[in-house]
C-alpha cells in the first residue's frame, strides 16, 4: 500500500506508511493507529469508528434475538407478547405496530441512494445518529 497514515495526531496527520484502509471512514492508517482483525475487518482507532465496530457486534446479536422472538410468532421487542404486524425497514425484524415508528431512511440502490418512508424499530432508530454522520 503506497498511502500514508491519515489519522490525526494533535494538529497534523501521523504520516507513517499506511497498512490498511478503515472500512468505516475510508482513511488509511498505520500499524499503530488501527487494527486488521482476523476476520478481515480493517478499522482505524478513531473513537467514532470504534463505536461503529461495537455497534455492528451488538446489532448482529440484536437481530438474532429478534429472529428467535419472531420464530415464536412474537413481536421482536423483548417482553412484548403481541403478534407481529409490520417489518422494520432496516433490520427486517417483525414487530407489533406499537414498536415501529415511521421514519425516512436511506435506501441504497444500483444508481445511488434515496430517502424513503419506512417503519423502523426502536433499536434501528437509535443507531441512525451514529451511522448518518449527525
Protein backbone atom coordinates (compact mmCIF):
# COMPACT_ATOMS: atom_id res chain seq x y z
CA UNK A 1 0.00 0.00 0.00
CA UNK A 2 1.51 3.32 -1.01
CA UNK A 3 -0.53 5.62 1.20
CA UNK A 4 0.37 7.33 4.44
CA UNK A 5 -1.48 7.20 7.74
CA UNK A 6 -4.23 9.83 7.78
CA UNK A 7 -5.06 9.55 11.48
CA UNK A 8 -4.65 12.91 13.20
CA UNK A 9 -2.13 13.44 15.96
CA UNK A 10 -2.91 16.71 17.67
CA UNK A 11 -2.54 19.26 14.85
CA UNK A 12 -1.25 17.11 11.97
CA UNK A 13 -1.64 13.71 10.41
CA UNK A 14 0.59 10.83 11.50
CA UNK A 15 2.26 10.34 8.10
CA UNK A 16 3.71 6.86 8.72
CA UNK A 17 3.29 4.30 5.93
CA UNK A 18 -0.31 3.11 5.69
CA UNK A 19 -1.02 -0.62 6.06
CA UNK A 20 -4.80 -0.64 5.57
CA UNK A 21 -7.88 1.48 4.92
CA UNK A 22 -10.59 1.85 7.56
CA UNK A 23 -13.82 0.17 6.45
CA UNK A 24 -15.89 2.86 8.18
CA UNK A 25 -14.24 6.21 7.40
CA UNK A 26 -12.08 5.28 4.41
CA UNK A 27 -8.89 6.75 5.86
CA UNK A 28 -5.55 5.00 5.57
CA UNK A 29 -3.91 4.01 8.85
CA UNK A 30 -0.56 2.66 10.06
CA UNK A 31 0.07 -0.29 12.40
CA UNK A 32 -0.18 1.99 15.46
CA UNK A 33 -3.45 3.71 14.51
CA UNK A 34 -5.67 0.81 13.59
CA UNK A 35 -6.32 -2.90 13.59
CA UNK A 36 -6.58 -5.58 10.97
CA UNK A 37 -8.73 -8.24 12.58
CA UNK A 38 -8.59 -11.98 11.89
CA UNK A 39 -11.99 -11.87 10.19
CA UNK A 40 -10.71 -9.39 7.58
CA UNK A 41 -12.01 -6.18 9.14
CA UNK A 42 -9.77 -3.10 8.95
CA UNK A 43 -10.66 -0.39 11.48
CA UNK A 44 -8.78 2.76 12.46
CA UNK A 45 -8.59 3.81 16.09
CA UNK A 46 -10.83 6.86 15.84
CA UNK A 47 -13.49 6.84 18.58
CA UNK A 48 -16.32 7.07 16.04
CA UNK A 49 -15.08 4.07 14.03
CA UNK A 50 -14.59 2.06 17.22
CA UNK A 51 -18.20 2.88 18.24
CA UNK A 52 -19.33 1.62 14.84
CA UNK A 53 -17.41 -1.65 15.31
CA UNK A 54 -19.05 -2.22 18.69
CA UNK A 55 -22.45 -1.22 17.29
CA UNK A 56 -22.21 -3.79 14.49
CA UNK A 57 -21.47 -6.57 17.01
CA UNK A 58 -24.45 -5.53 19.15
CA UNK A 59 -26.66 -5.23 16.08
CA UNK A 60 -25.94 -8.81 14.99
CA UNK A 61 -26.79 -10.09 18.49
CA UNK A 62 -29.98 -7.98 18.44
CA UNK A 63 -31.04 -9.38 15.05
CA UNK A 64 -30.53 -12.94 16.33
CA UNK A 65 -32.70 -12.20 19.39
CA UNK A 66 -35.42 -10.64 17.22
CA UNK A 67 -35.36 -13.64 14.86
CA UNK A 68 -35.80 -16.01 17.82
CA UNK A 69 -38.78 -14.00 19.08
CA UNK A 70 -40.24 -13.88 15.56
CA UNK A 71 -39.92 -17.68 15.24
CA UNK A 72 -42.17 -17.90 18.29
CA UNK A 73 -44.60 -15.55 16.44
CA UNK A 74 -43.98 -12.70 18.88
CA UNK A 75 -43.03 -9.08 18.37
CA UNK A 76 -39.25 -8.64 18.18
CA UNK A 77 -39.26 -6.24 21.14
CA UNK A 78 -38.26 -8.00 24.38
CA UNK A 79 -41.12 -8.54 26.86
CA UNK A 80 -43.80 -7.88 24.22
CA UNK A 81 -46.00 -10.87 23.52
CA UNK A 82 -48.17 -9.31 20.84
CA UNK A 83 -48.06 -10.79 17.35
CA UNK A 84 -46.01 -9.00 14.68
CA UNK A 85 -47.88 -6.57 12.45
CA UNK A 86 -45.08 -4.99 10.43
CA UNK A 87 -41.42 -5.19 9.48
CA UNK A 88 -38.52 -2.89 10.33
CA UNK A 89 -37.13 -1.36 7.15
CA UNK A 90 -33.58 -1.65 8.48
CA UNK A 91 -33.11 -4.93 10.40
CA UNK A 92 -36.05 -6.72 8.69
CA UNK A 93 -37.33 -7.91 12.10
CA UNK A 94 -41.07 -8.26 12.68
CA UNK A 95 -42.75 -6.08 15.33
CA UNK A 96 -46.20 -5.11 16.57
CA UNK A 97 -47.46 -1.71 15.42
CA UNK A 98 -46.64 -0.15 18.79
CA UNK A 99 -42.94 -0.94 18.39
CA UNK A 100 -42.48 0.51 14.91
CA UNK A 101 -42.08 4.19 14.03
CA UNK A 102 -42.44 5.84 10.62
CA UNK A 103 -39.15 7.40 9.53
CA UNK A 104 -37.30 8.46 6.40
CA UNK A 105 -34.43 6.07 5.82
CA UNK A 106 -31.71 5.96 3.20
CA UNK A 107 -32.17 3.09 0.76
CA UNK A 108 -29.16 2.11 -1.33
CA UNK A 109 -29.92 1.38 -4.97
CA UNK A 110 -27.91 0.46 -8.06
CA UNK A 111 -27.57 4.13 -9.10
CA UNK A 112 -27.10 5.84 -5.75
CA UNK A 113 -29.35 6.15 -2.75
CA UNK A 114 -32.73 7.68 -1.98
CA UNK A 115 -34.72 8.65 1.09
CA UNK A 116 -37.84 6.52 1.52
CA UNK A 117 -40.55 6.29 4.19
CA UNK A 118 -40.32 3.09 6.22
CA UNK A 119 -41.24 1.64 9.58
CA UNK A 120 -38.27 1.32 11.90
CA UNK A 121 -37.88 -0.42 15.28
CA UNK A 122 -36.54 1.46 18.31
CA UNK A 123 -33.12 -0.23 18.12
CA UNK A 124 -32.56 0.76 14.47
CA UNK A 125 -33.91 4.27 15.08
CA UNK A 126 -31.32 4.82 17.85
CA UNK A 127 -28.49 3.62 15.58
CA UNK A 128 -29.24 6.22 12.89
CA UNK A 129 -27.29 9.06 14.55
CA UNK A 130 -24.04 7.08 14.60
CA UNK A 131 -24.33 5.91 11.01
CA UNK A 132 -25.74 9.06 9.39
CA UNK A 133 -22.85 11.26 10.47
CA UNK A 134 -25.01 13.62 12.54
